[in-house]
Amino acid sequence: MPTVEAVSRRLRRVYAPLFSVFVAAWVVRLTVFTPPGSGVVETAAVGALPGALVLAVVAAFYVAALALTLRRAPRRAKGEMQTTEDIDEWK
Protein backbone atom coordinates (compact mmCIF):
# COMPACT_ATOMS: atom_id res chain seq x y z
CA MET A 1 0.00 0.00 0.00
CA PRO A 2 1.47 3.37 -0.95
CA THR A 3 2.20 5.76 1.90
CA VAL A 4 -0.14 8.49 0.65
CA GLU A 5 -3.01 6.01 0.42
CA ALA A 6 -2.29 4.69 3.91
CA VAL A 7 -2.18 8.21 5.37
CA SER A 8 -5.38 9.15 3.57
CA ARG A 9 -7.21 6.09 4.88
CA ARG A 10 -5.93 6.64 8.42
CA LEU A 11 -6.95 10.30 8.33
CA ARG A 12 -10.40 9.45 7.02
CA ARG A 13 -11.09 6.71 9.54
CA VAL A 14 -9.40 7.91 12.72
CA TYR A 15 -7.86 11.35 12.72
CA ALA A 16 -10.39 13.47 10.79
CA PRO A 17 -12.99 13.33 13.59
CA LEU A 18 -10.29 13.96 16.18
CA PHE A 19 -8.84 16.93 14.27
CA SER A 20 -12.31 18.41 13.76
CA VAL A 21 -12.89 18.34 17.52
CA PHE A 22 -9.49 19.98 18.06
CA VAL A 23 -10.11 22.78 15.56
CA ALA A 24 -13.64 23.38 16.91
CA ALA A 25 -12.31 23.66 20.47
CA TRP A 26 -9.52 25.99 19.31
CA VAL A 27 -11.96 28.25 17.45
CA VAL A 28 -14.20 28.38 20.53
CA ARG A 29 -11.17 29.24 22.67
CA LEU A 30 -10.15 32.02 20.26
CA THR A 31 -13.61 33.54 19.96
CA VAL A 32 -15.29 33.05 23.33
CA PHE A 33 -12.33 33.71 25.61
CA THR A 34 -10.96 36.74 23.76
CA PRO A 35 -10.24 39.54 26.23
CA PRO A 36 -12.11 42.81 25.61
CA GLY A 37 -10.19 45.13 23.35
CA SER A 38 -8.16 42.45 21.57
CA GLY A 39 -9.05 40.52 18.45
CA VAL A 40 -8.81 36.90 17.43
CA VAL A 41 -5.41 37.42 15.81
CA GLU A 42 -3.90 38.80 19.01
CA THR A 43 -5.46 35.96 21.02
CA ALA A 44 -3.90 33.35 18.70
CA ALA A 45 -0.37 34.56 19.48
CA VAL A 46 1.84 31.99 21.21
CA GLY A 47 4.66 33.56 23.18
CA ALA A 48 6.76 35.65 20.80
CA LEU A 49 5.08 34.18 17.69
CA PRO A 50 2.57 36.61 16.21
CA GLY A 51 -1.04 35.49 15.98
CA ALA A 52 -1.14 35.87 12.19
CA LEU A 53 1.72 33.37 11.83
CA VAL A 54 0.05 30.90 14.21
CA LEU A 55 -3.25 31.19 12.32
CA ALA A 56 -1.47 30.69 8.99
CA VAL A 57 0.42 27.59 10.17
CA VAL A 58 -2.70 26.04 11.70
CA ALA A 59 -4.76 26.82 8.60
CA ALA A 60 -2.08 25.31 6.32
CA PHE A 61 -1.97 22.16 8.43
CA TYR A 62 -5.73 21.71 8.33
CA VAL A 63 -5.94 22.42 4.58
CA ALA A 64 -3.25 19.78 3.93
CA ALA A 65 -4.98 17.28 6.24
CA LEU A 66 -8.32 17.97 4.56
CA ALA A 67 -6.79 17.54 1.09
CA LEU A 68 -5.31 14.17 2.09
CA THR A 69 -8.55 13.12 3.76
CA LEU A 70 -10.71 13.94 0.75
CA ARG A 71 -8.22 12.50 -1.75
CA ARG A 72 -10.03 10.14 -4.08
CA ALA A 73 -7.43 8.30 -6.12
CA PRO A 74 -7.96 4.78 -7.37
CA ARG A 75 -7.21 2.26 -4.64
CA ARG A 76 -3.98 0.41 -5.32
CA ALA A 77 -3.90 -1.79 -2.23
CA LYS A 78 -5.46 -5.14 -3.01
CA GLY A 79 -5.90 -8.23 -0.89
CA GLU A 80 -4.03 -9.12 2.26
CA MET A 81 -0.81 -7.50 3.36
CA GLN A 82 0.89 -10.80 4.17
CA THR A 83 0.88 -14.24 2.63
CA THR A 84 -1.00 -17.14 4.17
CA GLU A 85 2.29 -18.88 5.02
CA ASP A 86 3.28 -15.97 7.30
CA ILE A 87 0.03 -15.89 9.28
CA ASP A 88 0.83 -18.82 11.58
CA GLU A 89 4.40 -17.76 12.27
CA TRP A 90 4.96 -16.00 15.58
CA LYS A 91 8.39 -14.72 16.42
C-alpha atoms as a PDB file:
ATOM      1  CA  MET A   1       0.000   0.000   0.000  1.00  0.00           C
ATOM      2  CA  PRO A   2       1.473   3.367  -0.948  1.00  0.00           C
ATOM      3  CA  THR A   3       2.202   5.758   1.900  1.00  0.00           C
ATOM      4  CA  VAL A   4      -0.139   8.491   0.647  1.00  0.00           C
ATOM      5  CA  GLU A   5      -3.013   6.007   0.416  1.00  0.00           C
ATOM      6  CA  ALA A   6      -2.291   4.689   3.909  1.00  0.00           C
ATOM      7  CA  VAL A   7      -2.175   8.207   5.374  1.00  0.00           C
ATOM      8  CA  SER A   8      -5.382   9.148   3.570  1.00  0.00           C
ATOM      9  CA  ARG A   9      -7.211   6.091   4.883  1.00  0.00           C
ATOM     10  CA  ARG A  10      -5.934   6.641   8.423  1.00  0.00           C
ATOM     11  CA  LEU A  11      -6.949  10.302   8.330  1.00  0.00           C
ATOM     12  CA  ARG A  12     -10.400   9.448   7.015  1.00  0.00           C
ATOM     13  CA  ARG A  13     -11.089   6.705   9.538  1.00  0.00           C
ATOM     14  CA  VAL A  14      -9.395   7.909  12.720  1.00  0.00           C
ATOM     15  CA  TYR A  15      -7.863  11.354  12.721  1.00  0.00           C
ATOM     16  CA  ALA A  16     -10.393  13.475  10.791  1.00  0.00           C
ATOM     17  CA  PRO A  17     -12.988  13.328  13.594  1.00  0.00           C
ATOM     18  CA  LEU A  18     -10.286  13.964  16.181  1.00  0.00           C
ATOM     19  CA  PHE A  19      -8.841  16.930  14.267  1.00  0.00           C
ATOM     20  CA  SER A  20     -12.306  18.415  13.757  1.00  0.00           C
ATOM     21  CA  VAL A  21     -12.890  18.337  17.520  1.00  0.00           C
ATOM     22  CA  PHE A  22      -9.493  19.978  18.062  1.00  0.00           C
ATOM     23  CA  VAL A  23     -10.111  22.782  15.563  1.00  0.00           C
ATOM     24  CA  ALA A  24     -13.637  23.379  16.909  1.00  0.00           C
ATOM     25  CA  ALA A  25     -12.308  23.659  20.466  1.00  0.00           C
ATOM     26  CA  TRP A  26      -9.521  25.987  19.312  1.00  0.00           C
ATOM     27  CA  VAL A  27     -11.960  28.247  17.446  1.00  0.00           C
ATOM     28  CA  VAL A  28     -14.196  28.381  20.531  1.00  0.00           C
ATOM     29  CA  ARG A  29     -11.172  29.243  22.667  1.00  0.00           C
ATOM     30  CA  LEU A  30     -10.147  32.022  20.258  1.00  0.00           C
ATOM     31  CA  THR A  31     -13.612  33.543  19.963  1.00  0.00           C
ATOM     32  CA  VAL A  32     -15.288  33.047  23.332  1.00  0.00           C
ATOM     33  CA  PHE A  33     -12.331  33.713  25.611  1.00  0.00           C
ATOM     34  CA  THR A  34     -10.955  36.742  23.760  1.00  0.00           C
ATOM     35  CA  PRO A  35     -10.238  39.545  26.229  1.00  0.00           C
ATOM     36  CA  PRO A  36     -12.109  42.808  25.613  1.00  0.00           C
ATOM     37  CA  GLY A  37     -10.186  45.131  23.349  1.00  0.00           C
ATOM     38  CA  SER A  38      -8.164  42.452  21.571  1.00  0.00           C
ATOM     39  CA  GLY A  39      -9.050  40.519  18.452  1.00  0.00           C
ATOM     40  CA  VAL A  40      -8.808  36.903  17.434  1.00  0.00           C
ATOM     41  CA  VAL A  41      -5.409  37.416  15.812  1.00  0.00           C
ATOM     42  CA  GLU A  42      -3.902  38.798  19.014  1.00  0.00           C
ATOM     43  CA  THR A  43      -5.457  35.959  21.019  1.00  0.00           C
ATOM     44  CA  ALA A  44      -3.902  33.350  18.696  1.00  0.00           C
ATOM     45  CA  ALA A  45      -0.372  34.560  19.481  1.00  0.00           C
ATOM     46  CA  VAL A  46       1.839  31.993  21.209  1.00  0.00           C
ATOM     47  CA  GLY A  47       4.660  33.564  23.182  1.00  0.00           C
ATOM     48  CA  ALA A  48       6.761  35.647  20.799  1.00  0.00           C
ATOM     49  CA  LEU A  49       5.083  34.180  17.688  1.00  0.00           C
ATOM     50  CA  PRO A  50       2.568  36.605  16.205  1.00  0.00           C
ATOM     51  CA  GLY A  51      -1.041  35.487  15.978  1.00  0.00           C
ATOM     52  CA  ALA A  52      -1.141  35.867  12.191  1.00  0.00           C
ATOM     53  CA  LEU A  53       1.721  33.370  11.835  1.00  0.00           C
ATOM     54  CA  VAL A  54       0.053  30.904  14.205  1.00  0.00           C
ATOM     55  CA  LEU A  55      -3.251  31.193  12.324  1.00  0.00           C
ATOM     56  CA  ALA A  56      -1.470  30.690   8.988  1.00  0.00           C
ATOM     57  CA  VAL A  57       0.417  27.591  10.170  1.00  0.00           C
ATOM     58  CA  VAL A  58      -2.700  26.037  11.705  1.00  0.00           C
ATOM     59  CA  ALA A  59      -4.757  26.818   8.595  1.00  0.00           C
ATOM     60  CA  ALA A  60      -2.076  25.310   6.317  1.00  0.00           C
ATOM     61  CA  PHE A  61      -1.969  22.158   8.432  1.00  0.00           C
ATOM     62  CA  TYR A  62      -5.732  21.711   8.335  1.00  0.00           C
ATOM     63  CA  VAL A  63      -5.935  22.421   4.583  1.00  0.00           C
ATOM     64  CA  ALA A  64      -3.247  19.783   3.933  1.00  0.00           C
ATOM     65  CA  ALA A  65      -4.977  17.285   6.235  1.00  0.00           C
ATOM     66  CA  LEU A  66      -8.316  17.972   4.556  1.00  0.00           C
ATOM     67  CA  ALA A  67      -6.789  17.541   1.095  1.00  0.00           C
ATOM     68  CA  LEU A  68      -5.307  14.172   2.089  1.00  0.00           C
ATOM     69  CA  THR A  69      -8.552  13.118   3.759  1.00  0.00           C
ATOM     70  CA  LEU A  70     -10.714  13.942   0.747  1.00  0.00           C
ATOM     71  CA  ARG A  71      -8.224  12.503  -1.751  1.00  0.00           C
ATOM     72  CA  ARG A  72     -10.027  10.138  -4.083  1.00  0.00           C
ATOM     73  CA  ALA A  73      -7.433   8.299  -6.125  1.00  0.00           C
ATOM     74  CA  PRO A  74      -7.959   4.777  -7.366  1.00  0.00           C
ATOM     75  CA  ARG A  75      -7.215   2.263  -4.644  1.00  0.00           C
ATOM     76  CA  ARG A  76      -3.976   0.406  -5.323  1.00  0.00           C
ATOM     77  CA  ALA A  77      -3.903  -1.790  -2.229  1.00  0.00           C
ATOM     78  CA  LYS A  78      -5.459  -5.142  -3.012  1.00  0.00           C
ATOM     79  CA  GLY A  79      -5.902  -8.231  -0.890  1.00  0.00           C
ATOM     80  CA  GLU A  80      -4.030  -9.118   2.257  1.00  0.00           C
ATOM     81  CA  MET A  81      -0.806  -7.499   3.360  1.00  0.00           C
ATOM     82  CA  GLN A  82       0.888 -10.799   4.171  1.00  0.00           C
ATOM     83  CA  THR A  83       0.879 -14.238   2.632  1.00  0.00           C
ATOM     84  CA  THR A  84      -0.995 -17.140   4.171  1.00  0.00           C
ATOM     85  CA  GLU A  85       2.290 -18.876   5.024  1.00  0.00           C
ATOM     86  CA  ASP A  86       3.280 -15.974   7.305  1.00  0.00           C
ATOM     87  CA  ILE A  87       0.032 -15.894   9.279  1.00  0.00           C
ATOM     88  CA  ASP A  88       0.827 -18.823  11.577  1.00  0.00           C
ATOM     89  CA  GLU A  89       4.398 -17.764  12.270  1.00  0.00           C
ATOM     90  CA  TRP A  90       4.957 -15.996  15.585  1.00  0.00           C
ATOM     91  CA  LYS A  91       8.386 -14.715  16.415  1.00  0.00           C
END
